[in-house]
mmCIF file of all heavy atoms, coordinates in Angstrom:
data_MODEL
# 
_entry.id   MODEL 
# 
loop_
_atom_site.group_PDB 
_atom_site.id 
_atom_site.type_symbol 
_atom_site.label_atom_id 
_atom_site.label_alt_id 
_atom_site.label_comp_id 
_atom_site.label_asym_id 
_atom_site.label_entity_id 
_atom_site.label_seq_id 
_atom_site.pdbx_PDB_ins_code 
_atom_site.Cartn_x 
_atom_site.Cartn_y 
_atom_site.Cartn_z 
_atom_site.occupancy 
_atom_site.B_iso_or_equiv 
_atom_site.pdbx_formal_charge 
_atom_site.auth_seq_id 
_atom_site.auth_comp_id 
_atom_site.auth_asym_id 
_atom_site.auth_atom_id 
_atom_site.pdbx_PDB_model_num 
ATOM 1   N N   . VAL A 1 1  ? -13.329 2.141   -6.253 1.00 0.00 ? 1  VAL A N   1 
ATOM 2   C CA  . VAL A 1 1  ? -13.255 1.416   -4.904 1.00 0.00 ? 1  VAL A CA  1 
ATOM 3   C C   . VAL A 1 1  ? -13.034 2.390   -3.775 1.00 0.00 ? 1  VAL A C   1 
ATOM 4   O O   . VAL A 1 1  ? -11.979 2.951   -3.682 1.00 0.00 ? 1  VAL A O   1 
ATOM 5   C CB  . VAL A 1 1  ? -12.210 0.375   -4.930 1.00 0.00 ? 1  VAL A CB  1 
ATOM 6   C CG1 . VAL A 1 1  ? -12.119 -0.358  -3.601 1.00 0.00 ? 1  VAL A CG1 1 
ATOM 7   C CG2 . VAL A 1 1  ? -12.317 -0.541  -6.102 1.00 0.00 ? 1  VAL A CG2 1 
ATOM 8   N N   . PRO A 1 2  ? -14.060 2.687   -2.852 1.00 0.00 ? 2  PRO A N   1 
ATOM 9   C CA  . PRO A 1 2  ? -13.822 3.640   -1.814 1.00 0.00 ? 2  PRO A CA  1 
ATOM 10  C C   . PRO A 1 2  ? -12.897 3.134   -0.789 1.00 0.00 ? 2  PRO A C   1 
ATOM 11  O O   . PRO A 1 2  ? -12.864 1.954   -0.488 1.00 0.00 ? 2  PRO A O   1 
ATOM 12  C CB  . PRO A 1 2  ? -15.175 3.791   -1.250 1.00 0.00 ? 2  PRO A CB  1 
ATOM 13  C CG  . PRO A 1 2  ? -15.872 2.636   -1.569 1.00 0.00 ? 2  PRO A CG  1 
ATOM 14  C CD  . PRO A 1 2  ? -15.351 2.104   -2.872 1.00 0.00 ? 2  PRO A CD  1 
ATOM 15  N N   . LEU A 1 3  ? -12.090 3.962   -0.168 1.00 0.00 ? 3  LEU A N   1 
ATOM 16  C CA  . LEU A 1 3  ? -11.107 3.650   0.872  1.00 0.00 ? 3  LEU A CA  1 
ATOM 17  C C   . LEU A 1 3  ? -11.872 3.126   2.138  1.00 0.00 ? 3  LEU A C   1 
ATOM 18  O O   . LEU A 1 3  ? -11.343 2.354   2.858  1.00 0.00 ? 3  LEU A O   1 
ATOM 19  C CB  . LEU A 1 3  ? -10.192 4.799   1.240  1.00 0.00 ? 3  LEU A CB  1 
ATOM 20  C CG  . LEU A 1 3  ? -9.065  5.111   0.240  1.00 0.00 ? 3  LEU A CG  1 
ATOM 21  C CD1 . LEU A 1 3  ? -8.313  6.393   0.758  1.00 0.00 ? 3  LEU A CD1 1 
ATOM 22  C CD2 . LEU A 1 3  ? -8.051  3.904   0.273  1.00 0.00 ? 3  LEU A CD2 1 
ATOM 23  N N   . SER A 1 4  ? -13.058 3.609   2.297  1.00 0.00 ? 4  SER A N   1 
ATOM 24  C CA  . SER A 1 4  ? -13.830 3.211   3.411  1.00 0.00 ? 4  SER A CA  1 
ATOM 25  C C   . SER A 1 4  ? -14.168 1.628   3.448  1.00 0.00 ? 4  SER A C   1 
ATOM 26  O O   . SER A 1 4  ? -14.519 1.094   4.504  1.00 0.00 ? 4  SER A O   1 
ATOM 27  C CB  . SER A 1 4  ? -15.123 4.030   3.547  1.00 0.00 ? 4  SER A CB  1 
ATOM 28  O OG  . SER A 1 4  ? -15.918 3.770   2.316  1.00 0.00 ? 4  SER A OG  1 
ATOM 29  N N   . ALA A 1 5  ? -13.936 1.037   2.266  1.00 0.00 ? 5  ALA A N   1 
ATOM 30  C CA  . ALA A 1 5  ? -14.297 -0.380  2.116  1.00 0.00 ? 5  ALA A CA  1 
ATOM 31  C C   . ALA A 1 5  ? -13.221 -1.244  2.951  1.00 0.00 ? 5  ALA A C   1 
ATOM 32  O O   . ALA A 1 5  ? -13.467 -2.448  3.186  1.00 0.00 ? 5  ALA A O   1 
ATOM 33  C CB  . ALA A 1 5  ? -14.230 -0.803  0.716  1.00 0.00 ? 5  ALA A CB  1 
ATOM 34  N N   . GLY A 1 6  ? -12.177 -0.582  3.393  1.00 0.00 ? 6  GLY A N   1 
ATOM 35  C CA  . GLY A 1 6  ? -11.186 -1.317  4.104  1.00 0.00 ? 6  GLY A CA  1 
ATOM 36  C C   . GLY A 1 6  ? -10.005 -1.824  3.189  1.00 0.00 ? 6  GLY A C   1 
ATOM 37  O O   . GLY A 1 6  ? -10.195 -2.119  2.006  1.00 0.00 ? 6  GLY A O   1 
ATOM 38  N N   . ILE A 1 7  ? -8.845  -2.048  3.895  1.00 0.00 ? 7  ILE A N   1 
ATOM 39  C CA  . ILE A 1 7  ? -7.681  -2.572  3.094  1.00 0.00 ? 7  ILE A CA  1 
ATOM 40  C C   . ILE A 1 7  ? -7.089  -3.749  3.924  1.00 0.00 ? 7  ILE A C   1 
ATOM 41  O O   . ILE A 1 7  ? -6.945  -3.719  5.121  1.00 0.00 ? 7  ILE A O   1 
ATOM 42  C CB  . ILE A 1 7  ? -6.563  -1.468  2.993  1.00 0.00 ? 7  ILE A CB  1 
ATOM 43  C CG1 . ILE A 1 7  ? -7.211  -0.226  2.259  1.00 0.00 ? 7  ILE A CG1 1 
ATOM 44  C CG2 . ILE A 1 7  ? -5.404  -1.972  2.199  1.00 0.00 ? 7  ILE A CG2 1 
ATOM 45  C CD1 . ILE A 1 7  ? -6.243  0.946   2.305  1.00 0.00 ? 7  ILE A CD1 1 
ATOM 46  N N   . SER A 1 8  ? -6.811  -4.837  3.187  1.00 0.00 ? 8  SER A N   1 
ATOM 47  C CA  . SER A 1 8  ? -6.223  -6.037  3.831  1.00 0.00 ? 8  SER A CA  1 
ATOM 48  C C   . SER A 1 8  ? -4.832  -5.768  4.222  1.00 0.00 ? 8  SER A C   1 
ATOM 49  O O   . SER A 1 8  ? -4.079  -4.883  3.516  1.00 0.00 ? 8  SER A O   1 
ATOM 50  C CB  . SER A 1 8  ? -6.353  -7.188  2.902  1.00 0.00 ? 8  SER A CB  1 
ATOM 51  O OG  . SER A 1 8  ? -5.494  -7.090  1.814  1.00 0.00 ? 8  SER A OG  1 
ATOM 52  N N   . PRO A 1 9  ? -4.264  -6.559  5.147  1.00 0.00 ? 9  PRO A N   1 
ATOM 53  C CA  . PRO A 1 9  ? -2.840  -6.460  5.463  1.00 0.00 ? 9  PRO A CA  1 
ATOM 54  C C   . PRO A 1 9  ? -1.902  -6.595  4.241  1.00 0.00 ? 9  PRO A C   1 
ATOM 55  O O   . PRO A 1 9  ? -0.877  -5.969  4.172  1.00 0.00 ? 9  PRO A O   1 
ATOM 56  C CB  . PRO A 1 9  ? -2.580  -7.544  6.511  1.00 0.00 ? 9  PRO A CB  1 
ATOM 57  C CG  . PRO A 1 9  ? -3.929  -7.670  7.147  1.00 0.00 ? 9  PRO A CG  1 
ATOM 58  C CD  . PRO A 1 9  ? -4.913  -7.495  6.026  1.00 0.00 ? 9  PRO A CD  1 
ATOM 59  N N   . GLU A 1 10 ? -2.352  -7.559  3.404  1.00 0.00 ? 10 GLU A N   1 
ATOM 60  C CA  . GLU A 1 10 ? -1.529  -7.819  2.143  1.00 0.00 ? 10 GLU A CA  1 
ATOM 61  C C   . GLU A 1 10 ? -1.425  -6.611  1.237  1.00 0.00 ? 10 GLU A C   1 
ATOM 62  O O   . GLU A 1 10 ? -0.418  -6.227  0.790  1.00 0.00 ? 10 GLU A O   1 
ATOM 63  C CB  . GLU A 1 10 ? -2.119  -8.959  1.405  1.00 0.00 ? 10 GLU A CB  1 
ATOM 64  C CG  . GLU A 1 10 ? -1.337  -9.360  0.194  1.00 0.00 ? 10 GLU A CG  1 
ATOM 65  C CD  . GLU A 1 10 ? -1.920  -10.468 -0.611 1.00 0.00 ? 10 GLU A CD  1 
ATOM 66  O OE1 . GLU A 1 10 ? -3.247  -10.468 -0.640 1.00 0.00 ? 10 GLU A OE1 1 
ATOM 67  O OE2 . GLU A 1 10 ? -1.156  -11.386 -1.160 1.00 0.00 ? 10 GLU A OE2 1 
ATOM 68  N N   . ALA A 1 11 ? -2.644  -5.987  1.027  1.00 0.00 ? 11 ALA A N   1 
ATOM 69  C CA  . ALA A 1 11 ? -2.583  -4.735  0.218  1.00 0.00 ? 11 ALA A CA  1 
ATOM 70  C C   . ALA A 1 11 ? -1.882  -3.609  0.841  1.00 0.00 ? 11 ALA A C   1 
ATOM 71  O O   . ALA A 1 11 ? -1.192  -2.837  0.198  1.00 0.00 ? 11 ALA A O   1 
ATOM 72  C CB  . ALA A 1 11 ? -4.087  -4.355  -0.023 1.00 0.00 ? 11 ALA A CB  1 
ATOM 73  N N   . LEU A 1 12 ? -2.029  -3.441  2.141  1.00 0.00 ? 12 LEU A N   1 
ATOM 74  C CA  . LEU A 1 12 ? -1.247  -2.416  2.849  1.00 0.00 ? 12 LEU A CA  1 
ATOM 75  C C   . LEU A 1 12 ? 0.156   -2.589  2.700  1.00 0.00 ? 12 LEU A C   1 
ATOM 76  O O   . LEU A 1 12 ? 0.941   -1.598  2.640  1.00 0.00 ? 12 LEU A O   1 
ATOM 77  C CB  . LEU A 1 12 ? -1.775  -2.365  4.342  1.00 0.00 ? 12 LEU A CB  1 
ATOM 78  C CG  . LEU A 1 12 ? -1.103  -1.279  5.251  1.00 0.00 ? 12 LEU A CG  1 
ATOM 79  C CD1 . LEU A 1 12 ? -1.504  0.104   4.651  1.00 0.00 ? 12 LEU A CD1 1 
ATOM 80  C CD2 . LEU A 1 12 ? -1.658  -1.392  6.673  1.00 0.00 ? 12 LEU A CD2 1 
ATOM 81  N N   . ALA A 1 13 ? 0.659   -3.862  2.902  1.00 0.00 ? 13 ALA A N   1 
ATOM 82  C CA  . ALA A 1 13 ? 2.081   -4.161  2.827  1.00 0.00 ? 13 ALA A CA  1 
ATOM 83  C C   . ALA A 1 13 ? 2.588   -3.813  1.390  1.00 0.00 ? 13 ALA A C   1 
ATOM 84  O O   . ALA A 1 13 ? 3.732   -3.216  1.216  1.00 0.00 ? 13 ALA A O   1 
ATOM 85  C CB  . ALA A 1 13 ? 2.346   -5.626  2.996  1.00 0.00 ? 13 ALA A CB  1 
ATOM 86  N N   . MET A 1 14 ? 1.733   -4.007  0.336  1.00 0.00 ? 14 MET A N   1 
ATOM 87  C CA  . MET A 1 14 ? 2.087   -3.629  -1.031 1.00 0.00 ? 14 MET A CA  1 
ATOM 88  C C   . MET A 1 14 ? 2.293   -2.051  -1.094 1.00 0.00 ? 14 MET A C   1 
ATOM 89  O O   . MET A 1 14 ? 3.114   -1.611  -1.746 1.00 0.00 ? 14 MET A O   1 
ATOM 90  C CB  . MET A 1 14 ? 1.133   -4.148  -2.015 1.00 0.00 ? 14 MET A CB  1 
ATOM 91  C CG  . MET A 1 14 ? 1.173   -5.612  -2.200 1.00 0.00 ? 14 MET A CG  1 
ATOM 92  S SD  . MET A 1 14 ? 2.762   -6.354  -2.781 1.00 0.00 ? 14 MET A SD  1 
ATOM 93  C CE  . MET A 1 14 ? 3.430   -6.913  -1.134 1.00 0.00 ? 14 MET A CE  1 
ATOM 94  N N   . VAL A 1 15 ? 1.396   -1.324  -0.447 1.00 0.00 ? 15 VAL A N   1 
ATOM 95  C CA  . VAL A 1 15 ? 1.442   0.095   -0.515 1.00 0.00 ? 15 VAL A CA  1 
ATOM 96  C C   . VAL A 1 15 ? 2.764   0.560   0.099  1.00 0.00 ? 15 VAL A C   1 
ATOM 97  O O   . VAL A 1 15 ? 3.460   1.493   -0.408 1.00 0.00 ? 15 VAL A O   1 
ATOM 98  C CB  . VAL A 1 15 ? 0.297   0.719   0.207  1.00 0.00 ? 15 VAL A CB  1 
ATOM 99  C CG1 . VAL A 1 15 ? 0.431   2.207   0.364  1.00 0.00 ? 15 VAL A CG1 1 
ATOM 100 C CG2 . VAL A 1 15 ? -1.054  0.470   -0.549 1.00 0.00 ? 15 VAL A CG2 1 
ATOM 101 N N   . ILE A 1 16 ? 3.149   -0.070  1.237  1.00 0.00 ? 16 ILE A N   1 
ATOM 102 C CA  . ILE A 1 16 ? 4.294   0.346   1.939  1.00 0.00 ? 16 ILE A CA  1 
ATOM 103 C C   . ILE A 1 16 ? 5.554   0.074   1.044  1.00 0.00 ? 16 ILE A C   1 
ATOM 104 O O   . ILE A 1 16 ? 6.509   0.839   0.916  1.00 0.00 ? 16 ILE A O   1 
ATOM 105 C CB  . ILE A 1 16 ? 4.439   -0.371  3.329  1.00 0.00 ? 16 ILE A CB  1 
ATOM 106 C CG1 . ILE A 1 16 ? 3.370   0.172   4.192  1.00 0.00 ? 16 ILE A CG1 1 
ATOM 107 C CG2 . ILE A 1 16 ? 5.901   -0.165  3.909  1.00 0.00 ? 16 ILE A CG2 1 
ATOM 108 C CD1 . ILE A 1 16 ? 3.220   -0.687  5.478  1.00 0.00 ? 16 ILE A CD1 1 
ATOM 109 N N   . VAL A 1 17 ? 5.501   -1.133  0.483  1.00 0.00 ? 17 VAL A N   1 
ATOM 110 C CA  . VAL A 1 17 ? 6.673   -1.506  -0.503 1.00 0.00 ? 17 VAL A CA  1 
ATOM 111 C C   . VAL A 1 17 ? 6.684   -0.518  -1.629 1.00 0.00 ? 17 VAL A C   1 
ATOM 112 O O   . VAL A 1 17 ? 7.831   -0.013  -2.026 1.00 0.00 ? 17 VAL A O   1 
ATOM 113 C CB  . VAL A 1 17 ? 6.415   -2.933  -1.002 1.00 0.00 ? 17 VAL A CB  1 
ATOM 114 C CG1 . VAL A 1 17 ? 7.359   -3.248  -2.153 1.00 0.00 ? 17 VAL A CG1 1 
ATOM 115 C CG2 . VAL A 1 17 ? 6.672   -3.935  0.080  1.00 0.00 ? 17 VAL A CG2 1 
ATOM 116 N N   . LEU A 1 18 ? 5.618   -0.148  -2.244 1.00 0.00 ? 18 LEU A N   1 
ATOM 117 C CA  . LEU A 1 18 ? 5.631   0.771   -3.319 1.00 0.00 ? 18 LEU A CA  1 
ATOM 118 C C   . LEU A 1 18 ? 6.163   2.112   -2.913 1.00 0.00 ? 18 LEU A C   1 
ATOM 119 O O   . LEU A 1 18 ? 6.934   2.878   -3.642 1.00 0.00 ? 18 LEU A O   1 
ATOM 120 C CB  . LEU A 1 18 ? 4.181   0.917   -3.925 1.00 0.00 ? 18 LEU A CB  1 
ATOM 121 C CG  . LEU A 1 18 ? 3.629   -0.159  -4.760 1.00 0.00 ? 18 LEU A CG  1 
ATOM 122 C CD1 . LEU A 1 18 ? 2.190   -0.102  -4.985 1.00 0.00 ? 18 LEU A CD1 1 
ATOM 123 C CD2 . LEU A 1 18 ? 4.311   -0.193  -6.067 1.00 0.00 ? 18 LEU A CD2 1 
ATOM 124 N N   . GLY A 1 19 ? 5.729   2.677   -1.751 1.00 0.00 ? 19 GLY A N   1 
ATOM 125 C CA  . GLY A 1 19 ? 6.076   4.023   -1.332 1.00 0.00 ? 19 GLY A CA  1 
ATOM 126 C C   . GLY A 1 19 ? 7.567   4.019   -0.965 1.00 0.00 ? 19 GLY A C   1 
ATOM 127 O O   . GLY A 1 19 ? 8.384   4.913   -1.525 1.00 0.00 ? 19 GLY A O   1 
ATOM 128 N N   . VAL A 1 20 ? 7.998   3.081   -0.090 1.00 0.00 ? 20 VAL A N   1 
ATOM 129 C CA  . VAL A 1 20 ? 9.461   3.079   0.231  1.00 0.00 ? 20 VAL A CA  1 
ATOM 130 C C   . VAL A 1 20 ? 10.327  2.783   -0.896 1.00 0.00 ? 20 VAL A C   1 
ATOM 131 O O   . VAL A 1 20 ? 11.398  3.382   -1.142 1.00 0.00 ? 20 VAL A O   1 
ATOM 132 C CB  . VAL A 1 20 ? 9.614   2.109   1.328  1.00 0.00 ? 20 VAL A CB  1 
ATOM 133 C CG1 . VAL A 1 20 ? 11.090  2.003   1.819  1.00 0.00 ? 20 VAL A CG1 1 
ATOM 134 C CG2 . VAL A 1 20 ? 8.892   2.481   2.685  1.00 0.00 ? 20 VAL A CG2 1 
ATOM 135 N N   . GLY A 1 21 ? 9.817   1.782   -1.729 1.00 0.00 ? 21 GLY A N   1 
ATOM 136 C CA  . GLY A 1 21 ? 10.613  1.441   -2.935 1.00 0.00 ? 21 GLY A CA  1 
ATOM 137 C C   . GLY A 1 21 ? 10.849  2.535   -3.903 1.00 0.00 ? 21 GLY A C   1 
ATOM 138 O O   . GLY A 1 21 ? 11.896  2.758   -4.476 1.00 0.00 ? 21 GLY A O   1 
ATOM 139 N N   . SER A 1 22 ? 9.807   3.379   -4.128 1.00 0.00 ? 22 SER A N   1 
ATOM 140 C CA  . SER A 1 22 ? 9.871   4.570   -4.934 1.00 0.00 ? 22 SER A CA  1 
ATOM 141 C C   . SER A 1 22 ? 10.885  5.511   -4.473 1.00 0.00 ? 22 SER A C   1 
ATOM 142 O O   . SER A 1 22 ? 11.640  6.025   -5.228 1.00 0.00 ? 22 SER A O   1 
ATOM 143 C CB  . SER A 1 22 ? 8.481   5.290   -5.118 1.00 0.00 ? 22 SER A CB  1 
ATOM 144 O OG  . SER A 1 22 ? 7.558   4.464   -5.724 1.00 0.00 ? 22 SER A OG  1 
ATOM 145 N N   . ALA A 1 23 ? 10.946  5.731   -3.216 1.00 0.00 ? 23 ALA A N   1 
ATOM 146 C CA  . ALA A 1 23 ? 11.932  6.681   -2.612 1.00 0.00 ? 23 ALA A CA  1 
ATOM 147 C C   . ALA A 1 23 ? 13.329  6.130   -2.800 1.00 0.00 ? 23 ALA A C   1 
ATOM 148 O O   . ALA A 1 23 ? 14.248  6.858   -3.137 1.00 0.00 ? 23 ALA A O   1 
ATOM 149 C CB  . ALA A 1 23 ? 11.612  6.860   -1.157 1.00 0.00 ? 23 ALA A CB  1 
ATOM 150 N N   . ILE A 1 24 ? 13.499  4.835   -2.549 1.00 0.00 ? 24 ILE A N   1 
ATOM 151 C CA  . ILE A 1 24 ? 14.823  4.235   -2.703 1.00 0.00 ? 24 ILE A CA  1 
ATOM 152 C C   . ILE A 1 24 ? 15.248  4.241   -4.137 1.00 0.00 ? 24 ILE A C   1 
ATOM 153 O O   . ILE A 1 24 ? 16.481  4.591   -4.466 1.00 0.00 ? 24 ILE A O   1 
ATOM 154 C CB  . ILE A 1 24 ? 14.864  2.741   -2.147 1.00 0.00 ? 24 ILE A CB  1 
ATOM 155 C CG1 . ILE A 1 24 ? 14.634  2.786   -0.701 1.00 0.00 ? 24 ILE A CG1 1 
ATOM 156 C CG2 . ILE A 1 24 ? 16.134  2.071   -2.625 1.00 0.00 ? 24 ILE A CG2 1 
ATOM 157 C CD1 . ILE A 1 24 ? 14.409  1.423   -0.115 1.00 0.00 ? 24 ILE A CD1 1 
ATOM 158 N N   . ALA A 1 25 ? 14.326  3.887   -5.099 1.00 0.00 ? 25 ALA A N   1 
ATOM 159 C CA  . ALA A 1 25 ? 14.616  3.874   -6.498 1.00 0.00 ? 25 ALA A CA  1 
ATOM 160 C C   . ALA A 1 25 ? 15.033  5.252   -6.991 1.00 0.00 ? 25 ALA A C   1 
ATOM 161 O O   . ALA A 1 25 ? 15.992  5.346   -7.751 1.00 0.00 ? 25 ALA A O   1 
ATOM 162 C CB  . ALA A 1 25 ? 13.449  3.319   -7.291 1.00 0.00 ? 25 ALA A CB  1 
# 
């Protein structure tokens, strides 16, 4: 799945949760 296909706000929110969550964990 190429990144150029676009990312929905829901998927982007999950990426942020994953990144910040990984740092906190």
